[in-house]
């Protein structure tokens, strides 16, 4: 089965201390859990994160739909940035959902040389989430690993969860989302050809192709940092259907301030700072151009105020 092979392929040379979870967004709560993982790991052990490419809830409940805060590759990078040595993304399948907690724990011991298991406050493994902390501690006595449960990490008394961050982004509250993430919410995409309407208006935009599995903020205009080939630029970024032109497809378009050049085929990382306004339909092109000029002015003011303190 695929998940068995994915675990076996990790093949660590040393014993490991492991944690398990979706880790979507790798937010401040996740980072606290990872810091506890690192503290609990002896110097002669490696730290390992077992995570999932798809969301387990979508397999257990087919009606459950989720848009992710991070792609798998971005998640792996963020986890390693926290100091994790080994990251194993698993395809969560129906067959994996039916594996007993005992059998999954044994796989971790056999494949990863697991000697310790660090659990988040809501973590449970195995069929029907039967593998809670109490059961895993009993299994650990049999199989030779210890278990540590980490308390929830809170912000102003509220537990930080990926779901709450998704809600903030969907509502356009980028400032709140960034606070909970501990960094800027990011979308990355390749620049593709569009209909060149922005160029005709005097504001040539980069039209980004974004992974369909990723969460987009609600429609509107956003102040964002655009990272292109290792350099950072200010960006007035539009998300929406451009109602002035009677269109229906949602697009992500970035007007890069103080930039000239061909971006087609290049990758841009957009790091969102603040929502400037909602999407509007304008009565004529002149009104639209006037508003875009105001958006650019607002974007520059917002990002200039942050430029000295904001290195992300």
C-alpha atoms as a PDB file:
ATOM      1  CA  UNK A   1       0.000   0.000   0.000  1.00  0.00           C
ATOM      2  CA  UNK A   2       1.245   3.480  -0.875  1.00  0.00           C
ATOM      3  CA  UNK A   3       1.449   4.832   2.672  1.00  0.00           C
ATOM      4  CA  UNK A   4       3.582   1.871   3.747  1.00  0.00           C
ATOM      5  CA  UNK A   5       6.035   2.576   0.937  1.00  0.00           C
ATOM      6  CA  UNK A   6       6.090   6.299   1.723  1.00  0.00           C
ATOM      7  CA  UNK A   7       7.030   5.513   5.322  1.00  0.00           C
ATOM      8  CA  UNK A   8       9.592   2.920   4.272  1.00  0.00           C
ATOM      9  CA  UNK A   9      11.200   5.341   1.809  1.00  0.00           C
ATOM     10  CA  UNK A  10      12.087   7.715   4.664  1.00  0.00           C
ATOM     11  CA  UNK A  11      14.571   5.118   5.999  1.00  0.00           C
ATOM     12  CA  UNK A  12      16.208   7.226   8.742  1.00  0.00           C
ATOM     13  CA  UNK A  13      19.646   6.108   9.845  1.00  0.00           C
ATOM     14  CA  UNK A  14      19.072   7.150  13.466  1.00  0.00           C
ATOM     15  CA  UNK A  15      16.286   6.733  15.979  1.00  0.00           C
ATOM     16  CA  UNK A  16      13.529   9.329  15.691  1.00  0.00           C
ATOM     17  CA  UNK A  17      11.151  11.382  17.778  1.00  0.00           C
ATOM     18  CA  UNK A  18       7.930  11.764  15.776  1.00  0.00           C
ATOM     19  CA  UNK A  19       4.885  13.980  15.609  1.00  0.00           C
ATOM     20  CA  UNK A  20       1.852  13.558  13.343  1.00  0.00           C
ATOM     21  CA  UNK A  21      -0.651  15.976  11.835  1.00  0.00           C
ATOM     22  CA  UNK A  22      -1.960  17.827   8.801  1.00  0.00           C
ATOM     23  CA  UNK A  23       0.044  20.974   9.687  1.00  0.00           C
ATOM     24  CA  UNK A  24      -1.811  23.094   7.146  1.00  0.00           C
ATOM     25  CA  UNK A  25      -0.355  26.591   7.263  1.00  0.00           C
ATOM     26  CA  UNK A  26       2.385  25.652   9.768  1.00  0.00           C
ATOM     27  CA  UNK A  27       0.977  28.363  12.035  1.00  0.00           C
ATOM     28  CA  UNK A  28       2.130  29.551  15.461  1.00  0.00           C
ATOM     29  CA  UNK A  29       0.354  26.684  17.214  1.00  0.00           C
ATOM     30  CA  UNK A  30       2.145  24.181  14.991  1.00  0.00           C
ATOM     31  CA  UNK A  31       5.455  25.961  15.576  1.00  0.00           C
ATOM     32  CA  UNK A  32       4.965  25.647  19.336  1.00  0.00           C
ATOM     33  CA  UNK A  33       4.341  21.911  18.951  1.00  0.00           C
ATOM     34  CA  UNK A  34       7.465  21.607  16.788  1.00  0.00           C
ATOM     35  CA  UNK A  35       9.540  23.476  19.367  1.00  0.00           C
ATOM     36  CA  UNK A  36       8.391  20.934  21.964  1.00  0.00           C
ATOM     37  CA  UNK A  37       9.326  18.145  19.539  1.00  0.00           C
ATOM     38  CA  UNK A  38      12.836  19.569  19.197  1.00  0.00           C
ATOM     39  CA  UNK A  39      13.217  20.009  22.957  1.00  0.00           C
ATOM     40  CA  UNK A  40      12.106  16.419  23.584  1.00  0.00           C
ATOM     41  CA  UNK A  41      14.538  14.948  21.052  1.00  0.00           C
ATOM     42  CA  UNK A  42      17.942  13.740  22.312  1.00  0.00           C
ATOM     43  CA  UNK A  43      20.955  14.925  20.318  1.00  0.00           C
ATOM     44  CA  UNK A  44      21.549  11.458  18.889  1.00  0.00           C
ATOM     45  CA  UNK A  45      17.959  11.232  17.553  1.00  0.00           C
ATOM     46  CA  UNK A  46      16.362  12.843  14.506  1.00  0.00           C
ATOM     47  CA  UNK A  47      13.041  14.675  14.563  1.00  0.00           C
ATOM     48  CA  UNK A  48      10.376  13.518  12.100  1.00  0.00           C
ATOM     49  CA  UNK A  49       6.982  14.862  11.062  1.00  0.00           C
ATOM     50  CA  UNK A  50       4.422  12.556   9.468  1.00  0.00           C
ATOM     51  CA  UNK A  51       1.966  14.774   7.616  1.00  0.00           C
ATOM     52  CA  UNK A  52      -0.686  14.347   4.938  1.00  0.00           C
ATOM     53  CA  UNK A  53      -0.946  15.493   1.332  1.00  0.00           C
ATOM     54  CA  UNK A  54      -4.746  15.510   1.452  1.00  0.00           C
ATOM     55  CA  UNK A  55      -6.963  16.175   4.470  1.00  0.00           C
ATOM     56  CA  UNK A  56      -7.969  13.007   6.391  1.00  0.00           C
ATOM     57  CA  UNK A  57     -11.455  14.443   6.986  1.00  0.00           C
ATOM     58  CA  UNK A  58     -12.088  14.506   3.219  1.00  0.00           C
ATOM     59  CA  UNK A  59     -11.632  10.718   3.074  1.00  0.00           C
ATOM     60  CA  UNK A  60     -13.637   9.948   6.185  1.00  0.00           C
ATOM     61  CA  UNK A  61     -16.411  12.358   5.125  1.00  0.00           C
ATOM     62  CA  UNK A  62     -16.636  12.844   1.325  1.00  0.00           C
ATOM     63  CA  UNK A  63     -18.829  15.926   1.850  1.00  0.00           C
ATOM     64  CA  UNK A  64     -15.976  17.677   3.651  1.00  0.00           C
ATOM     65  CA  UNK A  65     -14.235  20.155   1.358  1.00  0.00           C
ATOM     66  CA  UNK A  66     -11.220  22.211   2.328  1.00  0.00           C
ATOM     67  CA  UNK A  67      -8.953  24.667   0.551  1.00  0.00           C
ATOM     68  CA  UNK A  68      -5.426  24.579   1.916  1.00  0.00           C
ATOM     69  CA  UNK A  69      -3.326  27.399   3.336  1.00  0.00           C
ATOM     70  CA  UNK A  70      -0.138  25.816   2.011  1.00  0.00           C
ATOM     71  CA  UNK A  71       0.835  23.481  -0.802  1.00  0.00           C
ATOM     72  CA  UNK A  72       2.613  20.270   0.188  1.00  0.00           C
ATOM     73  CA  UNK A  73       5.977  21.579  -1.026  1.00  0.00           C
ATOM     74  CA  UNK A  74       5.570  24.849   0.886  1.00  0.00           C
ATOM     75  CA  UNK A  75       4.494  22.944   3.994  1.00  0.00           C
ATOM     76  CA  UNK A  76       7.558  20.701   3.836  1.00  0.00           C
ATOM     77  CA  UNK A  77       9.798  23.754   3.462  1.00  0.00           C
ATOM     78  CA  UNK A  78       8.159  25.533   6.406  1.00  0.00           C
ATOM     79  CA  UNK A  79       8.444  22.442   8.617  1.00  0.00           C
ATOM     80  CA  UNK A  80      12.137  22.110   7.822  1.00  0.00           C
ATOM     81  CA  UNK A  81      12.606  25.827   8.479  1.00  0.00           C
ATOM     82  CA  UNK A  82      11.479  25.059  12.042  1.00  0.00           C
ATOM     83  CA  UNK A  83      14.363  22.617  12.411  1.00  0.00           C
ATOM     84  CA  UNK A  84      12.611  19.327  11.627  1.00  0.00           C
ATOM     85  CA  UNK A  85      15.040  16.836  10.104  1.00  0.00           C
ATOM     86  CA  UNK A  86      12.653  14.462   8.317  1.00  0.00           C
ATOM     87  CA  UNK A  87       9.235  15.246   6.798  1.00  0.00           C
ATOM     88  CA  UNK A  88       7.124  12.404   5.400  1.00  0.00           C
ATOM     89  CA  UNK A  89       4.003  13.488   3.456  1.00  0.00           C
ATOM     90  CA  UNK A  90       1.527  10.593   3.212  1.00  0.00           C
ATOM     91  CA  UNK A  91      -1.404  10.148   0.866  1.00  0.00           C
ATOM     92  CA  UNK A  92      -4.311   9.667   3.265  1.00  0.00           C
ATOM     93  CA  UNK A  93      -6.444   6.943   1.706  1.00  0.00           C
ATOM     94  CA  UNK A  94      -9.476   4.910   2.718  1.00  0.00           C
ATOM     95  CA  UNK A  95      -7.203   1.961   3.460  1.00  0.00           C
ATOM     96  CA  UNK A  96      -5.055   4.109   5.753  1.00  0.00           C
ATOM     97  CA  UNK A  97      -8.194   5.346   7.553  1.00  0.00           C
ATOM     98  CA  UNK A  98      -9.005   1.718   8.392  1.00  0.00           C
ATOM     99  CA  UNK A  99      -5.616   0.864   9.922  1.00  0.00           C
ATOM    100  CA  UNK A 100      -5.807   0.141  13.652  1.00  0.00           C
ATOM    101  CA  UNK A 101      -3.857   2.424  15.974  1.00  0.00           C
ATOM    102  CA  UNK A 102      -1.699  -0.501  17.104  1.00  0.00           C
ATOM    103  CA  UNK A 103      -0.749  -1.354  13.524  1.00  0.00           C
ATOM    104  CA  UNK A 104       0.031   2.250  12.598  1.00  0.00           C
ATOM    105  CA  UNK A 105       2.172   2.705  15.704  1.00  0.00           C
ATOM    106  CA  UNK A 106       4.037  -0.485  14.809  1.00  0.00           C
ATOM    107  CA  UNK A 107       4.659   0.877  11.294  1.00  0.00           C
ATOM    108  CA  UNK A 108       6.169   4.025  12.783  1.00  0.00           C
ATOM    109  CA  UNK A 109       8.430   1.953  15.015  1.00  0.00           C
ATOM    110  CA  UNK A 110       9.483  -0.364  12.187  1.00  0.00           C
ATOM    111  CA  UNK A 111       9.892   2.252   9.429  1.00  0.00           C
ATOM    112  CA  UNK A 112      11.156   5.253  11.398  1.00  0.00           C
ATOM    113  CA  UNK A 113      12.882   3.676  14.421  1.00  0.00           C
ATOM    114  CA  UNK A 114      10.466   5.746  16.507  1.00  0.00           C
ATOM    115  CA  UNK A 115      11.471   6.085  20.160  1.00  0.00           C
ATOM    116  CA  UNK A 116       9.185   8.959  21.122  1.00  0.00           C
ATOM    117  CA  UNK A 117       5.846  10.359  19.947  1.00  0.00           C
ATOM    118  CA  UNK A 118       4.878  13.991  20.580  1.00  0.00           C
ATOM    119  CA  UNK A 119       1.146  14.635  20.234  1.00  0.00           C
ATOM    120  CA  UNK A 120      -0.747  17.854  19.670  1.00  0.00           C
ATOM    121  CA  UNK A 121      -3.756  18.483  21.941  1.00  0.00           C
ATOM    122  CA  UNK A 122      -6.286  17.088  19.426  1.00  0.00           C
ATOM    123  CA  UNK A 123      -4.167  14.317  17.932  1.00  0.00           C
ATOM    124  CA  UNK A 124      -5.445  10.754  17.697  1.00  0.00           C
ATOM    125  CA  UNK A 125      -4.353   8.077  15.238  1.00  0.00           C
ATOM    126  CA  UNK A 126      -5.802   4.925  13.798  1.00  0.00           C
ATOM    127  CA  UNK A 127      -9.235   3.704  12.799  1.00  0.00           C
ATOM    128  CA  UNK A 128     -12.030   5.887  14.218  1.00  0.00           C
ATOM    129  CA  UNK A 129      -9.348   7.965  16.011  1.00  0.00           C
ATOM    130  CA  UNK A 130      -9.005   5.150  18.540  1.00  0.00           C
ATOM    131  CA  UNK A 131      -5.342   5.912  19.209  1.00  0.00           C
ATOM    132  CA  UNK A 132      -5.626   8.643  21.830  1.00  0.00           C
ATOM    133  CA  UNK A 133      -2.854   9.502  24.283  1.00  0.00           C
ATOM    134  CA  UNK A 134      -3.914   6.853  26.820  1.00  0.00           C
ATOM    135  CA  UNK A 135      -3.897   4.018  24.292  1.00  0.00           C
ATOM    136  CA  UNK A 136      -0.655   5.192  22.711  1.00  0.00           C
ATOM    137  CA  UNK A 137       1.062   5.283  26.094  1.00  0.00           C
ATOM    138  CA  UNK A 138       0.072   1.635  26.632  1.00  0.00           C
ATOM    139  CA  UNK A 139       1.298   0.721  23.150  1.00  0.00           C
ATOM    140  CA  UNK A 140       4.522   2.604  23.810  1.00  0.00           C
ATOM    141  CA  UNK A 141       5.249   0.435  26.835  1.00  0.00           C
ATOM    142  CA  UNK A 142       4.936  -2.634  24.599  1.00  0.00           C
ATOM    143  CA  UNK A 143       6.785  -1.268  21.570  1.00  0.00           C
ATOM    144  CA  UNK A 144       9.511   0.793  23.194  1.00  0.00           C
ATOM    145  CA  UNK A 145       8.493   4.423  22.692  1.00  0.00           C
ATOM    146  CA  UNK A 146       7.354   7.178  25.036  1.00  0.00           C
ATOM    147  CA  UNK A 147       4.469   9.617  24.492  1.00  0.00           C
ATOM    148  CA  UNK A 148       4.255  13.334  25.301  1.00  0.00           C
ATOM    149  CA  UNK A 149       1.117  15.446  24.832  1.00  0.00           C
ATOM    150  CA  UNK A 150       1.575  19.172  24.201  1.00  0.00           C
ATOM    151  CA  UNK A 151      -0.935  21.667  25.589  1.00  0.00           C
ATOM    152  CA  UNK A 152      -2.805  23.981  23.187  1.00  0.00           C
ATOM    153  CA  UNK A 153      -1.130  27.211  22.072  1.00  0.00           C
ATOM    154  CA  UNK A 154      -3.438  30.193  22.405  1.00  0.00           C
ATOM    155  CA  UNK A 155      -3.633  33.802  21.233  1.00  0.00           C
ATOM    156  CA  UNK A 156      -5.672  36.044  23.538  1.00  0.00           C
ATOM    157  CA  UNK A 157      -7.208  32.943  25.077  1.00  0.00           C
ATOM    158  CA  UNK A 158      -8.212  31.386  21.751  1.00  0.00           C
ATOM    159  CA  UNK A 159      -6.577  28.217  20.457  1.00  0.00           C
ATOM    160  CA  UNK A 160      -4.897  28.829  17.108  1.00  0.00           C
ATOM    161  CA  UNK A 161      -6.310  26.484  14.471  1.00  0.00           C
ATOM    162  CA  UNK A 162      -5.949  26.253  10.705  1.00  0.00           C
ATOM    163  CA  UNK A 163      -9.743  26.469  10.397  1.00  0.00           C
ATOM    164  CA  UNK A 164      -9.804  29.853  12.161  1.00  0.00           C
ATOM    165  CA  UNK A 165      -7.063  31.168   9.868  1.00  0.00           C
ATOM    166  CA  UNK A 166      -8.964  29.977   6.787  1.00  0.00           C
ATOM    167  CA  UNK A 167     -12.039  31.831   8.029  1.00  0.00           C
ATOM    168  CA  UNK A 168     -10.025  35.019   8.542  1.00  0.00           C
ATOM    169  CA  UNK A 169      -8.585  34.841   5.027  1.00  0.00           C
ATOM    170  CA  UNK A 170     -11.957  34.037   3.485  1.00  0.00           C
ATOM    171  CA  UNK A 171     -13.377  37.095   5.252  1.00  0.00           C
ATOM    172  CA  UNK A 172     -10.521  39.308   4.059  1.00  0.00           C
ATOM    173  CA  UNK A 173      -9.019  39.779   7.520  1.00  0.00           C
ATOM    174  CA  UNK A 174      -5.433  39.331   6.362  1.00  0.00           C
ATOM    175  CA  UNK A 175      -3.984  41.157   9.366  1.00  0.00           C
ATOM    176  CA  UNK A 176      -5.626  38.690  11.765  1.00  0.00           C
ATOM    177  CA  UNK A 177      -4.606  35.707   9.628  1.00  0.00           C
ATOM    178  CA  UNK A 178      -0.989  36.875   9.551  1.00  0.00           C
ATOM    179  CA  UNK A 179      -1.007  37.315  13.327  1.00  0.00           C
ATOM    180  CA  UNK A 180      -2.161  33.719  13.813  1.00  0.00           C
ATOM    181  CA  UNK A 181       0.186  32.354  11.158  1.00  0.00           C
ATOM    182  CA  UNK A 182       3.181  34.212  12.530  1.00  0.00           C
ATOM    183  CA  UNK A 183       4.116  35.318   9.008  1.00  0.00           C
ATOM    184  CA  UNK A 184       2.419  36.583   5.857  1.00  0.00           C
ATOM    185  CA  UNK A 185      -0.201  34.480   4.135  1.00  0.00           C
ATOM    186  CA  UNK A 186       1.346  33.518   0.801  1.00  0.00           C
ATOM    187  CA  UNK A 187       0.160  32.513  -2.649  1.00  0.00           C
ATOM    188  CA  UNK A 188       2.645  31.374  -5.277  1.00  0.00           C
ATOM    189  CA  UNK A 189       1.987  30.959  -8.968  1.00  0.00           C
ATOM    190  CA  UNK A 190       3.355  31.077 -12.476  1.00  0.00           C
ATOM    191  CA  UNK A 191       2.627  34.132 -14.611  1.00  0.00           C
ATOM    192  CA  UNK A 192       0.392  33.242 -17.556  1.00  0.00           C
ATOM    193  CA  UNK A 193      -1.038  35.217 -20.453  1.00  0.00           C
ATOM    194  CA  UNK A 194      -4.290  37.069 -19.759  1.00  0.00           C
ATOM    195  CA  UNK A 195      -6.470  39.376 -21.827  1.00  0.00           C
ATOM    196  CA  UNK A 196      -4.101  42.359 -21.358  1.00  0.00           C
ATOM    197  CA  UNK A 197      -6.880  44.618 -19.999  1.00  0.00           C
ATOM    198  CA  UNK A 198      -4.585  45.942 -17.279  1.00  0.00           C
ATOM    199  CA  UNK A 199      -2.000  46.950 -19.853  1.00  0.00           C
ATOM    200  CA  UNK A 200      -4.669  48.786 -21.854  1.00  0.00           C
ATOM    201  CA  UNK A 201      -5.596  50.743 -18.709  1.00  0.00           C
ATOM    202  CA  UNK A 202      -1.977  51.670 -18.007  1.00  0.00           C
ATOM    203  CA  UNK A 203      -1.543  49.117 -15.205  1.00  0.00           C
ATOM    204  CA  UNK A 204       0.003  45.937 -16.665  1.00  0.00           C
ATOM    205  CA  UNK A 205      -0.701  43.069 -14.288  1.00  0.00           C
ATOM    206  CA  UNK A 206       0.839  39.644 -13.797  1.00  0.00           C
ATOM    207  CA  UNK A 207      -1.925  37.044 -14.095  1.00  0.00           C
ATOM    208  CA  UNK A 208      -1.043  34.139 -11.789  1.00  0.00           C
ATOM    209  CA  UNK A 209      -1.976  30.491 -12.191  1.00  0.00           C
ATOM    210  CA  UNK A 210      -2.698  29.241  -8.657  1.00  0.00           C
ATOM    211  CA  UNK A 211      -3.063  25.625  -7.517  1.00  0.00           C
ATOM    212  CA  UNK A 212      -6.803  24.883  -7.348  1.00  0.00           C
ATOM    213  CA  UNK A 213      -6.377  23.200  -3.943  1.00  0.00           C
ATOM    214  CA  UNK A 214      -5.228  26.441  -2.314  1.00  0.00           C
ATOM    215  CA  UNK A 215      -7.404  28.929  -0.468  1.00  0.00           C
ATOM    216  CA  UNK A 216      -7.906  32.329  -2.089  1.00  0.00           C
ATOM    217  CA  UNK A 217      -8.849  35.373  -0.013  1.00  0.00           C
ATOM    218  CA  UNK A 218     -12.239  36.924  -0.633  1.00  0.00           C
ATOM    219  CA  UNK A 219     -12.527  39.226  -3.648  1.00  0.00           C
ATOM    220  CA  UNK A 220     -10.893  42.611  -3.358  1.00  0.00           C
ATOM    221  CA  UNK A 221      -7.690  44.611  -3.647  1.00  0.00           C
ATOM    222  CA  UNK A 222      -4.762  43.758  -1.380  1.00  0.00           C
ATOM    223  CA  UNK A 223      -1.432  45.306  -0.482  1.00  0.00           C
ATOM    224  CA  UNK A 224       1.147  42.542  -0.879  1.00  0.00           C
ATOM    225  CA  UNK A 225       4.837  41.935  -1.258  1.00  0.00           C
ATOM    226  CA  UNK A 226       5.779  40.270  -4.567  1.00  0.00           C
ATOM    227  CA  UNK A 227       8.954  38.191  -4.507  1.00  0.00           C
ATOM    228  CA  UNK A 228      10.460  37.752  -7.977  1.00  0.00           C
ATOM    229  CA  UNK A 229      13.857  36.141  -8.593  1.00  0.00           C
ATOM    230  CA  UNK A 230      15.048  36.918  -5.091  1.00  0.00           C
ATOM    231  CA  UNK A 231      13.914  40.549  -5.121  1.00  0.00           C
ATOM    232  CA  UNK A 232      10.959  42.079  -3.301  1.00  0.00           C
ATOM    233  CA  UNK A 233       8.522  44.545  -4.860  1.00  0.00           C
ATOM    234  CA  UNK A 234       5.336  46.239  -3.749  1.00  0.00           C
ATOM    235  CA  UNK A 235       2.187  44.871  -5.338  1.00  0.00           C
ATOM    236  CA  UNK A 236      -1.420  46.001  -5.580  1.00  0.00           C
ATOM    237  CA  UNK A 237      -3.040  42.605  -5.994  1.00  0.00           C
ATOM    238  CA  UNK A 238      -6.560  42.033  -7.287  1.00  0.00           C
ATOM    239  CA  UNK A 239      -8.590  38.907  -6.595  1.00  0.00           C
ATOM    240  CA  UNK A 240     -11.984  38.571  -8.204  1.00  0.00           C
ATOM    241  CA  UNK A 241     -14.070  38.427 -11.357  1.00  0.00           C
ATOM    242  CA  UNK A 242     -13.592  42.033 -12.576  1.00  0.00           C
ATOM    243  CA  UNK A 243     -17.319  42.909 -12.631  1.00  0.00           C
ATOM    244  CA  UNK A 244     -16.727  46.147 -14.558  1.00  0.00           C
ATOM    245  CA  UNK A 245     -16.022  43.959 -17.600  1.00  0.00           C
ATOM    246  CA  UNK A 246     -18.846  41.486 -16.931  1.00  0.00           C
ATOM    247  CA  UNK A 247     -16.529  38.519 -16.354  1.00  0.00           C
ATOM    248  CA  UNK A 248     -17.133  35.489 -14.127  1.00  0.00           C
ATOM    249  CA  UNK A 249     -13.765  33.713 -13.725  1.00  0.00           C
ATOM    250  CA  UNK A 250     -11.895  34.468 -10.499  1.00  0.00           C
ATOM    251  CA  UNK A 251      -8.402  35.735 -11.209  1.00  0.00           C
ATOM    252  CA  UNK A 252      -5.334  36.630  -9.170  1.00  0.00           C
ATOM    253  CA  UNK A 253      -3.638  39.631 -10.776  1.00  0.00           C
ATOM    254  CA  UNK A 254      -0.673  41.525  -9.374  1.00  0.00           C
ATOM    255  CA  UNK A 255       0.283  45.035 -10.435  1.00  0.00           C
ATOM    256  CA  UNK A 256       3.971  45.188  -9.497  1.00  0.00           C
ATOM    257  CA  UNK A 257       4.999  48.696  -8.512  1.00  0.00           C
ATOM    258  CA  UNK A 258       8.254  50.113  -9.910  1.00  0.00           C
ATOM    259  CA  UNK A 259       8.858  47.073 -12.115  1.00  0.00           C
ATOM    260  CA  UNK A 260       9.316  46.733 -15.837  1.00  0.00           C
ATOM    261  CA  UNK A 261      10.083  43.570 -17.744  1.00  0.00           C
ATOM    262  CA  UNK A 262       8.641  40.330 -19.046  1.00  0.00           C
ATOM    263  CA  UNK A 263       7.286  38.047 -16.318  1.00  0.00           C
ATOM    264  CA  UNK A 264       5.585  35.377 -18.425  1.00  0.00           C
ATOM    265  CA  UNK A 265       6.510  31.889 -17.234  1.00  0.00           C
ATOM    266  CA  UNK A 266       8.160  33.151 -14.061  1.00  0.00           C
ATOM    267  CA  UNK A 267       7.098  32.282 -10.529  1.00  0.00           C
ATOM    268  CA  UNK A 268       5.904  34.991  -8.152  1.00  0.00           C
ATOM    269  CA  UNK A 269       5.425  34.609  -4.403  1.00  0.00           C
ATOM    270  CA  UNK A 270       2.757  37.004  -3.140  1.00  0.00           C
ATOM    271  CA  UNK A 271       2.863  37.720   0.595  1.00  0.00           C
ATOM    272  CA  UNK A 272      -0.350  39.438   1.643  1.00  0.00           C
ATOM    273  CA  UNK A 273      -0.274  42.329   4.104  1.00  0.00           C
ATOM    274  CA  UNK A 274      -3.690  43.990   4.150  1.00  0.00           C
ATOM    275  CA  UNK A 275      -6.995  44.145   2.284  1.00  0.00           C
ATOM    276  CA  UNK A 276      -7.500  47.655   0.920  1.00  0.00           C
ATOM    277  CA  UNK A 277     -11.078  47.382  -0.313  1.00  0.00           C
ATOM    278  CA  UNK A 278     -13.693  45.032  -1.677  1.00  0.00           C
ATOM    279  CA  UNK A 279     -14.413  44.341  -5.321  1.00  0.00           C
ATOM    280  CA  UNK A 280     -16.502  46.972  -7.089  1.00  0.00           C
ATOM    281  CA  UNK A 281     -18.201  47.419 -10.463  1.00  0.00           C
ATOM    282  CA  UNK A 282     -17.471  50.857 -11.952  1.00  0.00           C
ATOM    283  CA  UNK A 283     -19.792  52.753 -14.323  1.00  0.00           C
ATOM    284  CA  UNK A 284     -17.008  53.564 -16.775  1.00  0.00           C
ATOM    285  CA  UNK A 285     -13.309  53.065 -17.482  1.00  0.00           C
ATOM    286  CA  UNK A 286     -12.392  56.533 -16.211  1.00  0.00           C
ATOM    287  CA  UNK A 287     -13.826  55.744 -12.772  1.00  0.00           C
ATOM    288  CA  UNK A 288     -11.952  52.442 -12.708  1.00  0.00           C
ATOM    289  CA  UNK A 289      -8.632  54.091 -13.589  1.00  0.00           C
ATOM    290  CA  UNK A 290      -9.183  56.729 -10.898  1.00  0.00           C
ATOM    291  CA  UNK A 291      -9.783  53.997  -8.296  1.00  0.00           C
ATOM    292  CA  UNK A 292      -6.779  51.929  -9.402  1.00  0.00           C
ATOM    293  CA  UNK A 293      -4.571  54.991  -8.977  1.00  0.00           C
ATOM    294  CA  UNK A 294      -5.946  55.353  -5.448  1.00  0.00           C
ATOM    295  CA  UNK A 295      -5.301  51.641  -4.796  1.00  0.00           C
ATOM    296  CA  UNK A 296      -1.680  52.016  -5.897  1.00  0.00           C
ATOM    297  CA  UNK A 297      -1.252  55.053  -3.653  1.00  0.00           C
ATOM    298  CA  UNK A 298      -2.746  53.183  -0.692  1.00  0.00           C
ATOM    299  CA  UNK A 299      -0.608  50.117  -1.376  1.00  0.00           C
ATOM    300  CA  UNK A 300       2.551  52.190  -1.465  1.00  0.00           C
ATOM    301  CA  UNK A 301       1.628  53.967   1.771  1.00  0.00           C
ATOM    302  CA  UNK A 302       0.817  50.729   3.630  1.00  0.00           C
ATOM    303  CA  UNK A 303       3.955  48.901   2.526  1.00  0.00           C
ATOM    304  CA  UNK A 304       6.280  51.884   2.894  1.00  0.00           C
ATOM    305  CA  UNK A 305       5.177  52.214   6.517  1.00  0.00           C
ATOM    306  CA  UNK A 306       6.169  48.570   7.067  1.00  0.00           C
ATOM    307  CA  UNK A 307       9.296  48.488   4.919  1.00  0.00           C
ATOM    308  CA  UNK A 308      11.805  49.074   7.685  1.00  0.00           C
ATOM    309  CA  UNK A 309      10.307  46.562  10.118  1.00  0.00           C
ATOM    310  CA  UNK A 310       8.961  43.955   7.694  1.00  0.00           C
ATOM    311  CA  UNK A 311      11.628  41.686   6.206  1.00  0.00           C
ATOM    312  CA  UNK A 312       9.370  38.767   5.220  1.00  0.00           C
END
